[in-house]
Amino acid sequence: MASRNVAAKDLAAVSKAFLEMSKDPAGQKVLASASELVKLPPGTGFIPSSSADYTAYRNFYQTAPASLR
């Protein structure tokens, strides 16, 4: 999920960076530190998602009071 103001090439680059973090030694260190901080299991990383994965969020946002948007 990204702002419509983000260029497609930038979105693709950021997505690739997150999805490939677990394959990179520096990325593995970042993931390990973040996982420890928020108490996630070792080996936690990012997985691809689709627009359908955000349906509940969009539904919530559309029905939320204006003060929360």
PDB file of N, CA and C in Angstrom:
ATOM      1  N   MET A   1       0.859  -1.165   0.000  1.00  0.00           N
ATOM      2  CA  MET A   1       0.000   0.000   0.000  1.00  0.00           C
ATOM      3  C   MET A   1       0.900   1.221   0.000  1.00  0.00           C
ATOM      4  N   ALA A   2       0.678   2.094  -0.944  1.00  0.00           N
ATOM      5  CA  ALA A   2       1.512   3.282  -1.058  1.00  0.00           C
ATOM      6  C   ALA A   2       0.676   4.453  -1.555  1.00  0.00           C
ATOM      7  N   SER A   3       1.155   5.623  -1.296  1.00  0.00           N
ATOM      8  CA  SER A   3       0.508   6.833  -1.784  1.00  0.00           C
ATOM      9  C   SER A   3       0.511   6.846  -3.308  1.00  0.00           C
ATOM     10  N   ARG A   4      -0.507   7.426  -3.870  1.00  0.00           N
ATOM     11  CA  ARG A   4      -0.560   7.572  -5.327  1.00  0.00           C
ATOM     12  C   ARG A   4       0.531   8.526  -5.822  1.00  0.00           C
ATOM     13  N   ASN A   5       1.122   9.276  -4.906  1.00  0.00           N
ATOM     14  CA  ASN A   5       2.171  10.233  -5.268  1.00  0.00           C
ATOM     15  C   ASN A   5       3.536   9.571  -5.427  1.00  0.00           C
ATOM     16  N   VAL A   6       3.644   8.307  -5.081  1.00  0.00           N
ATOM     17  CA  VAL A   6       4.911   7.590  -5.192  1.00  0.00           C
ATOM     18  C   VAL A   6       5.041   7.018  -6.607  1.00  0.00           C
ATOM     19  N   ALA A   7       6.141   7.349  -7.247  1.00  0.00           N
ATOM     20  CA  ALA A   7       6.371   6.852  -8.610  1.00  0.00           C
ATOM     21  C   ALA A   7       6.482   5.328  -8.606  1.00  0.00           C
ATOM     22  N   ALA A   8       6.002   4.696  -9.663  1.00  0.00           N
ATOM     23  CA  ALA A   8       6.013   3.228  -9.763  1.00  0.00           C
ATOM     24  C   ALA A   8       7.420   2.664  -9.603  1.00  0.00           C
ATOM     25  N   LYS A   9       8.425   3.309 -10.189  1.00  0.00           N
ATOM     26  CA  LYS A   9       9.798   2.804 -10.077  1.00  0.00           C
ATOM     27  C   LYS A   9      10.300   2.887  -8.640  1.00  0.00           C
ATOM     28  N   ASP A  10       9.887   3.926  -7.917  1.00  0.00           N
ATOM     29  CA  ASP A  10      10.288   4.046  -6.516  1.00  0.00           C
ATOM     30  C   ASP A  10       9.586   2.999  -5.658  1.00  0.00           C
ATOM     31  N   LEU A  11       8.318   2.779  -5.919  1.00  0.00           N
ATOM     32  CA  LEU A  11       7.565   1.749  -5.195  1.00  0.00           C
ATOM     33  C   LEU A  11       8.185   0.379  -5.424  1.00  0.00           C
ATOM     34  N   ALA A  12       8.554   0.092  -6.667  1.00  0.00           N
ATOM     35  CA  ALA A  12       9.172  -1.196  -6.986  1.00  0.00           C
ATOM     36  C   ALA A  12      10.515  -1.342  -6.275  1.00  0.00           C
ATOM     37  N   ALA A  13      11.299  -0.276  -6.220  1.00  0.00           N
ATOM     38  CA  ALA A  13      12.614  -0.331  -5.569  1.00  0.00           C
ATOM     39  C   ALA A  13      12.477  -0.564  -4.068  1.00  0.00           C
ATOM     40  N   VAL A  14      11.542   0.118  -3.440  1.00  0.00           N
ATOM     41  CA  VAL A  14      11.338  -0.056  -1.994  1.00  0.00           C
ATOM     42  C   VAL A  14      10.796  -1.451  -1.702  1.00  0.00           C
ATOM     43  N   SER A  15       9.843  -1.902  -2.508  1.00  0.00           N
ATOM     44  CA  SER A  15       9.298  -3.253  -2.328  1.00  0.00           C
ATOM     45  C   SER A  15      10.402  -4.302  -2.440  1.00  0.00           C
ATOM     46  N   LYS A  16      11.225  -4.170  -3.458  1.00  0.00           N
ATOM     47  CA  LYS A  16      12.321  -5.117  -3.664  1.00  0.00           C
ATOM     48  C   LYS A  16      13.276  -5.104  -2.473  1.00  0.00           C
ATOM     49  N   ALA A  17      13.597  -3.921  -1.974  1.00  0.00           N
ATOM     50  CA  ALA A  17      14.510  -3.814  -0.831  1.00  0.00           C
ATOM     51  C   ALA A  17      13.951  -4.543   0.393  1.00  0.00           C
ATOM     52  N   PHE A  18      12.673  -4.346   0.692  1.00  0.00           N
ATOM     53  CA  PHE A  18      12.070  -5.014   1.847  1.00  0.00           C
ATOM     54  C   PHE A  18      11.999  -6.527   1.638  1.00  0.00           C
ATOM     55  N   LEU A  19      11.578  -6.946   0.455  1.00  0.00           N
ATOM     56  CA  LEU A  19      11.420  -8.379   0.199  1.00  0.00           C
ATOM     57  C   LEU A  19      12.754  -9.119   0.171  1.00  0.00           C
ATOM     58  N   GLU A  20      13.835  -8.442  -0.166  1.00  0.00           N
ATOM     59  CA  GLU A  20      15.144  -9.091  -0.255  1.00  0.00           C
ATOM     60  C   GLU A  20      16.030  -8.879   0.976  1.00  0.00           C
ATOM     61  N   MET A  21      15.499  -8.201   1.994  1.00  0.00           N
ATOM     62  CA  MET A  21      16.285  -7.962   3.212  1.00  0.00           C
ATOM     63  C   MET A  21      16.826  -9.245   3.823  1.00  0.00           C
ATOM     64  N   SER A  22      16.010 -10.277   3.812  1.00  0.00           N
ATOM     65  CA  SER A  22      16.411 -11.526   4.472  1.00  0.00           C
ATOM     66  C   SER A  22      17.518 -12.259   3.722  1.00  0.00           C
ATOM     67  N   LYS A  23      17.816 -11.839   2.503  1.00  0.00           N
ATOM     68  CA  LYS A  23      18.872 -12.463   1.710  1.00  0.00           C
ATOM     69  C   LYS A  23      20.200 -11.717   1.824  1.00  0.00           C
ATOM     70  N   ASP A  24      20.173 -10.571   2.475  1.00  0.00           N
ATOM     71  CA  ASP A  24      21.346  -9.703   2.575  1.00  0.00           C
ATOM     72  C   ASP A  24      21.865  -9.687   4.020  1.00  0.00           C
ATOM     73  N   PRO A  25      23.170  -9.849   4.247  1.00  0.00           N
ATOM     74  CA  PRO A  25      23.690  -9.868   5.622  1.00  0.00           C
ATOM     75  C   PRO A  25      23.319  -8.622   6.433  1.00  0.00           C
ATOM     76  N   ALA A  26      23.412  -7.445   5.826  1.00  0.00           N
ATOM     77  CA  ALA A  26      23.043  -6.220   6.562  1.00  0.00           C
ATOM     78  C   ALA A  26      21.541  -6.203   6.830  1.00  0.00           C
ATOM     79  N   GLY A  27      20.749  -6.637   5.863  1.00  0.00           N
ATOM     80  CA  GLY A  27      19.303  -6.705   6.049  1.00  0.00           C
ATOM     81  C   GLY A  27      18.912  -7.703   7.123  1.00  0.00           C
ATOM     82  N   GLN A  28      19.621  -8.822   7.181  1.00  0.00           N
ATOM     83  CA  GLN A  28      19.366  -9.832   8.213  1.00  0.00           C
ATOM     84  C   GLN A  28      19.602  -9.251   9.600  1.00  0.00           C
ATOM     85  N   LYS A  29      20.626  -8.434   9.748  1.00  0.00           N
ATOM     86  CA  LYS A  29      20.908  -7.806  11.048  1.00  0.00           C
ATOM     87  C   LYS A  29      19.790  -6.845  11.442  1.00  0.00           C
ATOM     88  N   VAL A  30      19.315  -6.064  10.479  1.00  0.00           N
ATOM     89  CA  VAL A  30      18.219  -5.132  10.754  1.00  0.00           C
ATOM     90  C   VAL A  30      16.968  -5.904  11.161  1.00  0.00           C
ATOM     91  N   LEU A  31      16.645  -6.944  10.422  1.00  0.00           N
ATOM     92  CA  LEU A  31      15.464  -7.750  10.745  1.00  0.00           C
ATOM     93  C   LEU A  31      15.596  -8.420  12.106  1.00  0.00           C
ATOM     94  N   ALA A  32      16.769  -8.926  12.419  1.00  0.00           N
ATOM     95  CA  ALA A  32      16.985  -9.577  13.713  1.00  0.00           C
ATOM     96  C   ALA A  32      16.817  -8.578  14.848  1.00  0.00           C
ATOM     97  N   SER A  33      17.375  -7.390  14.700  1.00  0.00           N
ATOM     98  CA  SER A  33      17.260  -6.361  15.741  1.00  0.00           C
ATOM     99  C   SER A  33      15.811  -5.927  15.927  1.00  0.00           C
ATOM    100  N   ALA A  34      15.123  -5.697  14.817  1.00  0.00           N
ATOM    101  CA  ALA A  34      13.724  -5.280  14.897  1.00  0.00           C
ATOM    102  C   ALA A  34      12.860  -6.389  15.507  1.00  0.00           C
ATOM    103  N   SER A  35      13.124  -7.621  15.107  1.00  0.00           N
ATOM    104  CA  SER A  35      12.355  -8.753  15.645  1.00  0.00           C
ATOM    105  C   SER A  35      12.546  -8.886  17.149  1.00  0.00           C
ATOM    106  N   GLU A  36      13.781  -8.724  17.592  1.00  0.00           N
ATOM    107  CA  GLU A  36      14.054  -8.811  19.031  1.00  0.00           C
ATOM    108  C   GLU A  36      13.344  -7.681  19.776  1.00  0.00           C
ATOM    109  N   LEU A  37      13.373  -6.499  19.208  1.00  0.00           N
ATOM    110  CA  LEU A  37      12.766  -5.333  19.847  1.00  0.00           C
ATOM    111  C   LEU A  37      11.268  -5.497  20.050  1.00  0.00           C
ATOM    112  N   VAL A  38      10.584  -6.040  19.056  1.00  0.00           N
ATOM    113  CA  VAL A  38       9.129  -6.169  19.148  1.00  0.00           C
ATOM    114  C   VAL A  38       8.675  -7.597  19.447  1.00  0.00           C
ATOM    115  N   LYS A  39       9.635  -8.426  19.827  1.00  0.00           N
ATOM    116  CA  LYS A  39       9.350  -9.795  20.288  1.00  0.00           C
ATOM    117  C   LYS A  39       8.733 -10.691  19.211  1.00  0.00           C
ATOM    118  N   LEU A  40       9.276 -10.614  17.996  1.00  0.00           N
ATOM    119  CA  LEU A  40       8.863 -11.526  16.932  1.00  0.00           C
ATOM    120  C   LEU A  40       9.828 -12.690  16.880  1.00  0.00           C
ATOM    121  N   PRO A  41       9.409 -13.818  16.333  1.00  0.00           N
ATOM    122  CA  PRO A  41      10.309 -14.969  16.273  1.00  0.00           C
ATOM    123  C   PRO A  41      11.492 -14.710  15.346  1.00  0.00           C
ATOM    124  N   PRO A  42      12.622 -15.346  15.635  1.00  0.00           N
ATOM    125  CA  PRO A  42      13.780 -15.217  14.740  1.00  0.00           C
ATOM    126  C   PRO A  42      13.397 -15.647  13.318  1.00  0.00           C
ATOM    127  N   GLY A  43      13.989 -15.008  12.341  1.00  0.00           N
ATOM    128  CA  GLY A  43      13.700 -15.338  10.959  1.00  0.00           C
ATOM    129  C   GLY A  43      12.514 -14.600  10.379  1.00  0.00           C
ATOM    130  N   THR A  44      11.923 -13.703  11.163  1.00  0.00           N
ATOM    131  CA  THR A  44      10.794 -12.922  10.673  1.00  0.00           C
ATOM    132  C   THR A  44      11.271 -11.972   9.582  1.00  0.00           C
ATOM    133  N   GLY A  45      10.482 -11.851   8.539  1.00  0.00           N
ATOM    134  CA  GLY A  45      10.828 -10.959   7.439  1.00  0.00           C
ATOM    135  C   GLY A  45       9.577 -10.467   6.747  1.00  0.00           C
ATOM    136  N   PHE A  46       9.756  -9.945   5.563  1.00  0.00           N
ATOM    137  CA  PHE A  46       8.650  -9.406   4.785  1.00  0.00           C
ATOM    138  C   PHE A  46       8.232 -10.393   3.700  1.00  0.00           C
ATOM    139  N   ILE A  47       6.942 -10.386   3.386  1.00  0.00           N
ATOM    140  CA  ILE A  47       6.400 -11.229   2.323  1.00  0.00           C
ATOM    141  C   ILE A  47       5.603 -10.342   1.365  1.00  0.00           C
ATOM    142  N   PRO A  48       5.439 -10.785   0.137  1.00  0.00           N
ATOM    143  CA  PRO A  48       4.650  -9.989  -0.811  1.00  0.00           C
ATOM    144  C   PRO A  48       3.186  -9.896  -0.365  1.00  0.00           C
ATOM    145  N   SER A  49       2.541  -8.823  -0.770  1.00  0.00           N
ATOM    146  CA  SER A  49       1.114  -8.664  -0.489  1.00  0.00           C
ATOM    147  C   SER A  49       0.424  -8.157  -1.745  1.00  0.00           C
ATOM    148  N   SER A  50      -0.892  -8.185  -1.693  1.00  0.00           N
ATOM    149  CA  SER A  50      -1.680  -7.683  -2.816  1.00  0.00           C
ATOM    150  C   SER A  50      -2.676  -6.658  -2.295  1.00  0.00           C
ATOM    151  N   SER A  51      -3.331  -6.005  -3.191  1.00  0.00           N
ATOM    152  CA  SER A  51      -4.340  -5.022  -2.814  1.00  0.00           C
ATOM    153  C   SER A  51      -5.424  -5.654  -1.938  1.00  0.00           C
ATOM    154  N   ALA A  52      -5.757  -6.908  -2.202  1.00  0.00           N
ATOM    155  CA  ALA A  52      -6.794  -7.603  -1.432  1.00  0.00           C
ATOM    156  C   ALA A  52      -6.429  -7.719   0.049  1.00  0.00           C
ATOM    157  N   ASP A  53      -5.141  -7.758   0.345  1.00  0.00           N
ATOM    158  CA  ASP A  53      -4.704  -7.859   1.738  1.00  0.00           C
ATOM    159  C   ASP A  53      -5.048  -6.610   2.551  1.00  0.00           C
ATOM    160  N   TYR A  54      -5.360  -5.530   1.881  1.00  0.00           N
ATOM    161  CA  TYR A  54      -5.646  -4.266   2.559  1.00  0.00           C
ATOM    162  C   TYR A  54      -7.120  -3.889   2.526  1.00  0.00           C
ATOM    163  N   THR A  55      -7.966  -4.801   2.118  1.00  0.00           N
ATOM    164  CA  THR A  55      -9.403  -4.514   2.025  1.00  0.00           C
ATOM    165  C   THR A  55      -9.982  -4.108   3.372  1.00  0.00           C
ATOM    166  N   ALA A  56      -9.671  -4.826   4.425  1.00  0.00           N
ATOM    167  CA  ALA A  56     -10.217  -4.505   5.748  1.00  0.00           C
ATOM    168  C   ALA A  56      -9.769  -3.114   6.192  1.00  0.00           C
ATOM    169  N   TYR A  57      -8.521  -2.772   5.916  1.00  0.00           N
ATOM    170  CA  TYR A  57      -8.017  -1.441   6.279  1.00  0.00           C
ATOM    171  C   TYR A  57      -8.784  -0.356   5.521  1.00  0.00           C
ATOM    172  N   ARG A  58      -8.958  -0.549   4.212  1.00  0.00           N
ATOM    173  CA  ARG A  58      -9.687   0.445   3.415  1.00  0.00           C
ATOM    174  C   ARG A  58     -11.125   0.578   3.904  1.00  0.00           C
ATOM    175  N   ASN A  59     -11.769  -0.538   4.206  1.00  0.00           N
ATOM    176  CA  ASN A  59     -13.139  -0.495   4.720  1.00  0.00           C
ATOM    177  C   ASN A  59     -13.206   0.259   6.036  1.00  0.00           C
ATOM    178  N   PHE A  60     -12.277  -0.016   6.934  1.00  0.00           N
ATOM    179  CA  PHE A  60     -12.236   0.695   8.212  1.00  0.00           C
ATOM    180  C   PHE A  60     -12.055   2.188   7.973  1.00  0.00           C
ATOM    181  N   TYR A  61     -11.092   2.547   7.137  1.00  0.00           N
ATOM    182  CA  TYR A  61     -10.784   3.949   6.889  1.00  0.00           C
ATOM    183  C   TYR A  61     -11.984   4.686   6.310  1.00  0.00           C
ATOM    184  N   GLN A  62     -12.686   4.050   5.396  1.00  0.00           N
ATOM    185  CA  GLN A  62     -13.842   4.692   4.756  1.00  0.00           C
ATOM    186  C   GLN A  62     -14.993   4.930   5.727  1.00  0.00           C
ATOM    187  N   THR A  63     -15.086   4.110   6.770  1.00  0.00           N
ATOM    188  CA  THR A  63     -16.184   4.252   7.724  1.00  0.00           C
ATOM    189  C   THR A  63     -15.757   4.915   9.030  1.00  0.00           C
ATOM    190  N   ALA A  64     -14.488   5.225   9.172  1.00  0.00           N
ATOM    191  CA  ALA A  64     -13.991   5.850  10.399  1.00  0.00           C
ATOM    192  C   ALA A  64     -14.460   7.311  10.462  1.00  0.00           C
ATOM    193  N   PRO A  65     -14.613   7.827  11.671  1.00  0.00           N
ATOM    194  CA  PRO A  65     -14.955   9.237  11.799  1.00  0.00           C
ATOM    195  C   PRO A  65     -13.894  10.119  11.136  1.00  0.00           C
ATOM    196  N   ALA A  66     -14.305  11.228  10.608  1.00  0.00           N
ATOM    197  CA  ALA A  66     -13.385  12.121   9.900  1.00  0.00           C
ATOM    198  C   ALA A  66     -12.196  12.519  10.771  1.00  0.00           C
ATOM    199  N   SER A  67     -12.385  12.600  12.066  1.00  0.00           N
ATOM    200  CA  SER A  67     -11.292  12.990  12.958  1.00  0.00           C
ATOM    201  C   SER A  67     -10.168  11.951  12.995  1.00  0.00           C
ATOM    202  N   LEU A  68     -10.443  10.730  12.572  1.00  0.00           N
ATOM    203  CA  LEU A  68      -9.437   9.662  12.569  1.00  0.00           C
ATOM    204  C   LEU A  68      -8.793   9.479  11.202  1.00  0.00           C
ATOM    205  N   ARG A  69      -9.303  10.129  10.203  1.00  0.00           N
ATOM    206  CA  ARG A  69      -8.761   9.957   8.845  1.00  0.00           C
ATOM    207  C   ARG A  69      -7.623  10.841   8.641  1.00  0.00           C
TER     208      ARG A  69
END
